[in-house]
Amino acid sequence: MEDTYKTISNPAEGLFKDKGSKFIAYSYPVTSEDQIKEIVQGIKKEHYSARHHCYAWRLGHEKLLFRANDDGEPSSTAGKPILGQIQSFDLTNILIVVVRYFGGTLLGVSGLINAYRNAALDAINQAEIVEKLVEKQLLIEFDYGVMNDVMKLFKDEKLPQIDPQFDLRCRIKTHIRLSELSRIEEGLNKIEGLKVTELP
């Protein structure tokens, strides 16, 4: 089971110049489309005098959600080459925006593809690529009487305890690596009266 994915750990900036045109690229780690919209709008405000703000993004460890936007450049000369770089590095949860300041000389289709590709490449190269685990967040609820069983399982599996509340009815949040989820859930479900809820 695929339970790791690659993304970037920090925002970064890249640059490519050709015939007076400047292509400033920004790469961001992202987790939602709302976050992406906000970043793109912010960049458009910051670079309001630029001709184009082209971008591509990919979300989710399954890499099924993605989009490329040419923002007025000829079809497939901007968003697609940016997305191509995201795919060739096998990255997800990433947004790359390339801002173009026109230098007065037309670059042609192949020149544009080359410029957007190289600007995106530089923004990836300036960032730190990290491998992350796909984890499920769980809320575990149980009666005080079975505390020892629960704690033993937590200790044996080295599970993090997040926000534990120990009362007559106890609650602990944790996160478990996707590939180990069913095995650990099986162990939890053997404990009497214990309830496991997957959190979004």
Protein backbone atom coordinates (compact mmCIF):
# COMPACT_ATOMS: atom_id res chain seq x y z
CA MET A 1 0.00 0.00 0.00
CA GLU A 2 1.29 3.43 -1.04
CA ASP A 3 1.39 5.38 2.21
CA THR A 4 4.11 7.94 1.53
CA TYR A 5 4.14 10.92 -0.80
CA LYS A 6 6.56 13.65 -1.77
CA THR A 7 5.93 17.34 -1.32
CA ILE A 8 7.92 20.46 -0.46
CA SER A 9 8.49 21.61 3.11
CA ASN A 10 8.77 25.35 2.48
CA PRO A 11 7.73 28.05 0.01
CA ALA A 12 10.47 28.89 -2.49
CA GLU A 13 11.12 31.21 -5.40
CA GLY A 14 12.63 30.57 -8.82
CA LEU A 15 13.50 32.77 -11.79
CA PHE A 16 13.97 32.41 -15.54
CA LYS A 17 14.75 35.17 -18.03
CA ASP A 18 14.48 35.13 -21.81
CA LYS A 19 14.67 38.04 -24.31
CA GLY A 20 13.82 40.60 -21.64
CA SER A 21 10.85 38.66 -20.29
CA LYS A 22 11.05 37.74 -16.63
CA PHE A 23 9.38 34.62 -15.26
CA ILE A 24 9.21 34.63 -11.45
CA ALA A 25 8.10 31.28 -10.03
CA TYR A 26 6.72 30.60 -6.56
CA SER A 27 6.28 27.11 -5.13
CA TYR A 28 4.13 26.51 -2.04
CA PRO A 29 3.20 23.49 0.06
CA VAL A 30 -0.64 23.45 0.11
CA THR A 31 -3.42 21.22 1.41
CA SER A 32 -6.66 22.66 0.02
CA GLU A 33 -8.16 24.45 -2.98
CA ASP A 34 -9.22 27.35 -0.74
CA GLN A 35 -5.60 27.83 0.32
CA ILE A 36 -4.55 27.74 -3.37
CA LYS A 37 -7.12 30.41 -4.33
CA GLU A 38 -5.94 32.65 -1.52
CA ILE A 39 -2.25 32.35 -2.52
CA VAL A 40 -2.97 32.95 -6.23
CA GLN A 41 -5.06 36.04 -5.39
CA GLY A 42 -2.27 37.32 -3.14
CA ILE A 43 0.32 36.92 -5.90
CA LYS A 44 -1.96 38.66 -8.42
CA LYS A 45 -2.27 41.60 -6.01
CA GLU A 46 1.47 41.72 -5.35
CA HIS A 47 2.31 41.51 -9.08
CA TYR A 48 -0.68 43.48 -10.39
CA SER A 49 1.36 44.96 -13.25
CA ALA A 50 2.49 41.55 -14.58
CA ARG A 51 0.90 40.27 -17.81
CA HIS A 52 0.23 36.70 -16.69
CA HIS A 53 -0.07 34.69 -13.48
CA CYS A 54 0.01 31.08 -14.66
CA TYR A 55 -0.11 28.18 -12.27
CA ALA A 56 -0.53 24.46 -11.69
CA TRP A 57 -1.23 22.42 -8.58
CA ARG A 58 -1.74 18.87 -7.40
CA LEU A 59 -3.42 17.73 -4.18
CA GLY A 60 -3.81 14.52 -2.19
CA HIS A 61 -1.55 11.52 -1.69
CA GLU A 62 -3.44 9.71 -4.47
CA LYS A 63 -2.51 12.63 -6.78
CA LEU A 64 -5.95 12.59 -8.41
CA LEU A 65 -6.70 16.31 -7.99
CA PHE A 66 -4.74 18.66 -10.22
CA ARG A 67 -5.19 21.70 -12.40
CA ALA A 68 -3.19 23.80 -14.86
CA ASN A 69 -4.06 27.40 -15.75
CA ASP A 70 -2.57 29.36 -18.68
CA ASP A 71 -4.02 32.74 -17.56
CA GLY A 72 -4.19 34.17 -21.08
CA GLU A 73 -1.04 32.62 -22.50
CA PRO A 74 -1.54 30.45 -25.64
CA SER A 75 -3.23 27.16 -24.73
CA SER A 76 -0.95 24.61 -22.98
CA THR A 77 2.17 26.83 -23.09
CA ALA A 78 2.19 27.71 -19.37
CA GLY A 79 0.04 25.67 -16.97
CA LYS A 80 0.87 22.34 -18.61
CA PRO A 81 4.68 22.73 -18.54
CA ILE A 82 4.41 23.82 -14.86
CA LEU A 83 2.27 20.76 -14.07
CA GLY A 84 4.75 18.63 -16.04
CA GLN A 85 7.51 19.59 -13.59
CA ILE A 86 5.30 18.74 -10.59
CA GLN A 87 4.65 15.33 -12.17
CA SER A 88 8.24 14.64 -13.14
CA PHE A 89 9.33 15.17 -9.50
CA ASP A 90 6.31 13.09 -8.39
CA LEU A 91 5.17 15.86 -6.03
CA THR A 92 1.76 16.51 -4.54
CA ASN A 93 0.20 19.03 -2.13
CA ILE A 94 2.05 21.68 -4.11
CA LEU A 95 1.17 24.86 -5.97
CA ILE A 96 3.50 26.59 -8.42
CA VAL A 97 2.64 30.06 -9.73
CA VAL A 98 4.75 31.67 -12.45
CA VAL A 99 4.41 35.42 -12.90
CA ARG A 100 5.47 36.79 -16.28
CA TYR A 101 6.68 40.30 -16.95
CA PHE A 102 6.71 40.81 -20.73
CA GLY A 103 10.00 42.06 -22.15
CA GLY A 104 8.71 43.27 -25.51
CA THR A 105 9.88 40.32 -27.61
CA LEU A 106 7.51 37.44 -28.37
CA LEU A 107 8.97 34.09 -27.40
CA GLY A 108 6.74 31.87 -29.53
CA VAL A 109 5.08 28.66 -28.35
CA SER A 110 8.24 26.62 -27.78
CA GLY A 111 9.94 29.59 -26.09
CA LEU A 112 7.02 29.98 -23.68
CA ILE A 113 6.88 26.27 -22.86
CA ASN A 114 10.62 26.31 -22.20
CA ALA A 115 10.41 29.44 -20.02
CA TYR A 116 7.52 28.24 -17.85
CA ARG A 117 9.08 24.80 -17.51
CA ASN A 118 12.45 26.21 -16.42
CA ALA A 119 10.95 28.77 -14.03
CA ALA A 120 8.90 26.01 -12.35
CA LEU A 121 11.97 23.76 -12.22
CA ASP A 122 13.96 26.49 -10.46
CA ALA A 123 11.17 27.01 -7.89
CA ILE A 124 11.20 23.27 -7.13
CA ASN A 125 15.01 23.15 -6.95
CA GLN A 126 15.01 26.05 -4.45
CA ALA A 127 12.55 24.22 -2.18
CA GLU A 128 13.26 21.25 0.06
CA ILE A 129 11.55 18.06 -1.13
CA VAL A 130 10.35 15.89 1.75
CA GLU A 131 8.68 12.51 1.99
CA LYS A 132 5.61 12.40 4.20
CA LEU A 133 3.53 9.58 5.59
CA VAL A 134 -0.13 9.23 4.82
CA GLU A 135 -1.75 9.02 8.22
CA LYS A 136 -5.28 8.62 9.52
CA GLN A 137 -6.38 10.71 12.49
CA LEU A 138 -8.35 8.70 15.03
CA LEU A 139 -10.37 9.57 18.10
CA ILE A 140 -10.33 6.72 20.61
CA GLU A 141 -12.93 6.67 23.40
CA PHE A 142 -12.95 4.12 26.20
CA ASP A 143 -13.97 3.55 29.81
CA TYR A 144 -11.49 4.24 32.59
CA GLY A 145 -11.53 0.55 33.53
CA VAL A 146 -9.70 -0.54 30.34
CA MET A 147 -7.08 2.22 30.55
CA ASN A 148 -4.19 -0.24 31.08
CA ASP A 149 -5.06 -2.21 27.93
CA VAL A 150 -5.25 0.97 25.88
CA MET A 151 -1.99 2.38 27.27
CA LYS A 152 -0.19 -0.91 26.62
CA LEU A 153 -1.29 -0.88 22.99
CA PHE A 154 -0.24 2.77 22.63
CA LYS A 155 3.16 1.96 24.10
CA ASP A 156 3.69 -1.22 22.04
CA GLU A 157 2.75 0.52 18.78
CA LYS A 158 4.54 3.78 19.72
CA LEU A 159 1.42 5.80 18.95
CA PRO A 160 1.38 9.52 19.75
CA GLN A 161 -1.13 10.63 22.39
CA ILE A 162 -2.77 13.88 21.31
CA ASP A 163 -4.96 15.86 23.69
CA PRO A 164 -5.63 12.95 26.13
CA GLN A 165 -8.58 13.37 28.51
CA PHE A 166 -8.81 10.86 31.32
CA ASP A 167 -12.20 10.81 33.01
CA LEU A 168 -14.82 8.13 33.64
CA ARG A 169 -15.00 8.05 29.83
CA CYS A 170 -11.56 8.71 28.36
CA ARG A 171 -10.62 10.20 24.98
CA ILE A 172 -7.30 10.23 23.14
CA LYS A 173 -6.59 11.39 19.61
CA THR A 174 -3.80 9.77 17.64
CA HIS A 175 -2.59 9.32 14.07
CA ILE A 176 -1.66 6.02 12.49
CA ARG A 177 0.25 5.26 9.31
CA LEU A 178 -2.17 4.11 6.60
CA SER A 179 -0.43 0.78 5.98
CA GLU A 180 -0.69 -0.12 9.69
CA LEU A 181 -4.21 1.14 10.24
CA SER A 182 -6.25 -2.06 9.89
CA ARG A 183 -3.83 -4.08 12.04
CA ILE A 184 -3.86 -1.52 14.87
CA GLU A 185 -7.62 -0.96 14.60
CA GLU A 186 -8.05 -4.72 15.00
CA GLY A 187 -6.08 -4.58 18.26
CA LEU A 188 -8.10 -1.61 19.49
CA ASN A 189 -11.41 -3.26 18.66
CA LYS A 190 -10.51 -6.20 20.93
CA ILE A 191 -10.61 -3.85 23.92
CA GLU A 192 -14.05 -3.93 25.55
CA GLY A 193 -16.31 -0.92 25.03
CA LEU A 194 -13.71 1.00 23.06
CA LYS A 195 -14.91 3.22 20.22
CA VAL A 196 -12.74 4.32 17.30
CA THR A 197 -13.78 7.27 15.13
CA GLU A 198 -11.81 8.31 12.04
CA LEU A 199 -11.36 12.08 12.00
CA PRO A 200 -11.31 14.09 8.77
